[in-house]
Protein backbone atom coordinates (compact mmCIF):
# COMPACT_ATOMS: atom_id res chain seq x y z
CA MET A 1 12.35 -2.01 13.56
CA ALA A 2 13.53 -4.61 11.12
CA LYS A 3 16.09 -7.30 11.65
CA ILE A 4 18.65 -6.97 8.93
CA LEU A 5 21.44 -9.23 7.61
CA ALA A 6 24.14 -7.22 6.01
CA VAL A 7 26.94 -9.09 4.18
CA ASP A 8 30.09 -7.44 2.89
CA ASP A 9 33.76 -8.42 2.92
CA GLN A 10 34.89 -4.79 3.67
CA LEU A 11 34.83 -4.02 7.36
CA VAL A 12 34.46 -0.36 6.81
CA MET A 13 31.36 -1.00 4.54
CA ARG A 14 29.81 -3.29 7.19
CA LYS A 15 30.27 -0.59 9.83
CA MET A 16 28.74 2.07 7.69
CA VAL A 17 25.71 0.07 6.73
CA ALA A 18 25.26 -0.91 10.51
CA VAL A 19 25.63 2.63 11.84
CA ALA A 20 23.16 4.01 9.13
CA LEU A 21 20.47 1.34 9.69
CA GLU A 22 20.98 1.07 13.43
CA SER A 23 20.62 4.85 13.71
CA ALA A 24 17.18 4.40 11.96
CA GLY A 25 16.15 1.93 14.68
CA HIS A 26 16.87 -1.26 12.84
CA GLN A 27 18.81 -4.24 14.28
CA VAL A 28 21.76 -5.25 12.17
CA THR A 29 23.73 -8.43 12.02
CA ALA A 30 26.84 -7.61 9.81
CA LEU A 31 28.82 -10.59 8.39
CA GLU A 32 31.88 -10.70 6.13
CA ASP A 33 31.19 -13.42 3.66
CA GLY A 34 28.56 -15.60 2.18
CA ILE A 35 29.54 -18.75 4.07
CA GLN A 36 29.04 -16.91 7.48
CA ALA A 37 25.81 -15.44 6.16
CA TYR A 38 24.32 -18.77 4.99
CA ARG A 39 25.32 -20.52 8.23
CA PHE A 40 23.68 -17.68 10.25
CA ALA A 41 20.58 -17.90 7.99
CA THR A 42 20.05 -21.63 8.68
CA SER A 43 19.30 -20.94 12.33
CA ASN A 44 18.21 -17.19 12.39
CA GLU A 45 15.48 -15.24 10.61
CA VAL A 46 15.75 -11.71 9.46
CA ASP A 47 13.35 -9.31 7.72
CA ILE A 48 15.69 -8.29 4.96
CA VAL A 49 19.10 -9.25 3.53
CA ILE A 50 21.48 -6.80 2.03
CA SER A 51 24.53 -8.18 0.28
CA ASP A 52 27.57 -7.19 -1.72
CA ILE A 53 28.12 -9.00 -4.96
CA ASN A 54 31.89 -9.38 -5.05
CA MET A 55 33.08 -11.39 -1.97
CA PRO A 56 35.45 -14.29 -1.36
CA TYR A 57 34.19 -17.85 -1.08
CA ILE A 58 30.50 -17.17 -2.23
CA GLN A 59 29.41 -14.35 -4.53
CA GLY A 60 26.40 -12.27 -3.32
CA THR A 61 24.25 -13.49 -6.20
CA THR A 62 25.04 -17.13 -5.25
CA LEU A 63 24.30 -16.37 -1.60
CA ILE A 64 20.95 -14.88 -2.42
CA ARG A 65 20.11 -17.92 -4.65
CA ARG A 66 20.99 -20.38 -1.76
CA LEU A 67 19.04 -18.24 0.79
CA ARG A 68 15.99 -18.52 -1.39
CA THR A 69 16.13 -22.25 -0.92
CA LEU A 70 15.49 -21.85 2.83
CA PRO A 71 11.75 -21.71 3.76
CA ALA A 72 12.28 -18.73 6.09
CA TYR A 73 14.06 -16.75 3.26
CA GLU A 74 11.74 -17.60 0.28
CA ASP A 75 9.83 -14.44 0.39
CA ILE A 76 11.91 -11.81 2.25
CA PRO A 77 13.34 -8.82 0.50
CA MET A 78 16.98 -9.05 -0.67
CA LEU A 79 19.01 -6.09 -1.83
CA MET A 80 22.33 -5.94 -3.51
CA LEU A 81 24.77 -3.13 -2.20
CA THR A 82 27.60 -3.01 -4.64
CA THR A 83 30.00 -1.15 -6.91
CA GLU A 84 28.80 -3.16 -9.86
CA SER A 85 26.64 -1.27 -12.39
CA SER A 86 26.33 -3.33 -15.45
CA ASP A 87 22.89 -4.23 -16.79
CA GLU A 88 24.25 -7.79 -17.08
CA MET A 89 25.09 -7.91 -13.41
CA LYS A 90 21.64 -6.44 -12.41
CA ARG A 91 20.02 -9.03 -14.67
CA LEU A 92 22.00 -11.84 -12.91
CA ALA A 93 21.06 -10.41 -9.49
CA ARG A 94 17.47 -10.38 -10.38
CA GLU A 95 17.52 -13.88 -11.83
CA ASN A 96 19.14 -15.17 -8.56
CA GLY A 97 16.40 -13.56 -6.33
CA ALA A 98 17.50 -10.05 -5.68
CA ASP A 99 14.66 -7.55 -5.19
CA GLY A 100 16.60 -4.27 -5.61
CA TRP A 101 19.88 -2.66 -6.10
CA ILE A 102 21.83 0.11 -4.24
CA GLN A 103 24.94 1.48 -5.77
CA LYS A 104 28.19 2.02 -3.81
CA PRO A 105 29.19 4.47 -2.61
CA PHE A 106 25.95 5.06 -0.79
CA ASP A 107 24.41 7.93 1.11
CA ALA A 108 23.29 6.77 4.56
CA GLU A 109 20.02 8.62 4.24
CA LYS A 110 19.29 7.01 0.87
CA LEU A 111 20.14 3.63 2.19
CA VAL A 112 17.73 3.98 5.13
CA HIS A 113 15.08 5.13 2.54
CA ALA A 114 15.66 2.34 0.30
CA VAL A 115 15.34 -0.17 3.16
CA ASP A 116 12.23 1.53 4.53
CA LYS A 117 10.72 1.53 1.02
CA ILE A 118 11.28 -2.13 0.31
CA LEU A 119 10.06 -3.05 3.89
CA THR A 120 6.89 -1.18 3.21
CA LYS A 121 6.46 -2.89 -0.26
CA PHE A 122 6.97 -6.24 1.38
CA ASP A 123 4.54 -5.15 4.28
CA ILE A 124 7.11 -5.58 6.98
CA HIS A 125 6.92 -3.52 9.99
């Protein structure tokens, strides 16, 4: 079981992510924006972060860059879950610390598979 921080400004998307990952045995904290997520991260550790890109207040790429400055978040996997698909946006995400990309709309089974795959890659059990 992994502790997962999922960040998305859409309530429906947060619920879909939480249901998919909790059904696979993971513990999910779902928050609606980057400010909430960063505040949460300053006093809580997780095993993986999944973030949308386009959100109010703080974009997902900025959130990931800021999370990477926290010692507990330097080396954990971070995935983007977004409708964005341009090579430029993917490059920007990588440059800011993203380790992977999941395209919305997503299939719950594929999301679980992607999360399990990156947890294995990072040797998180």
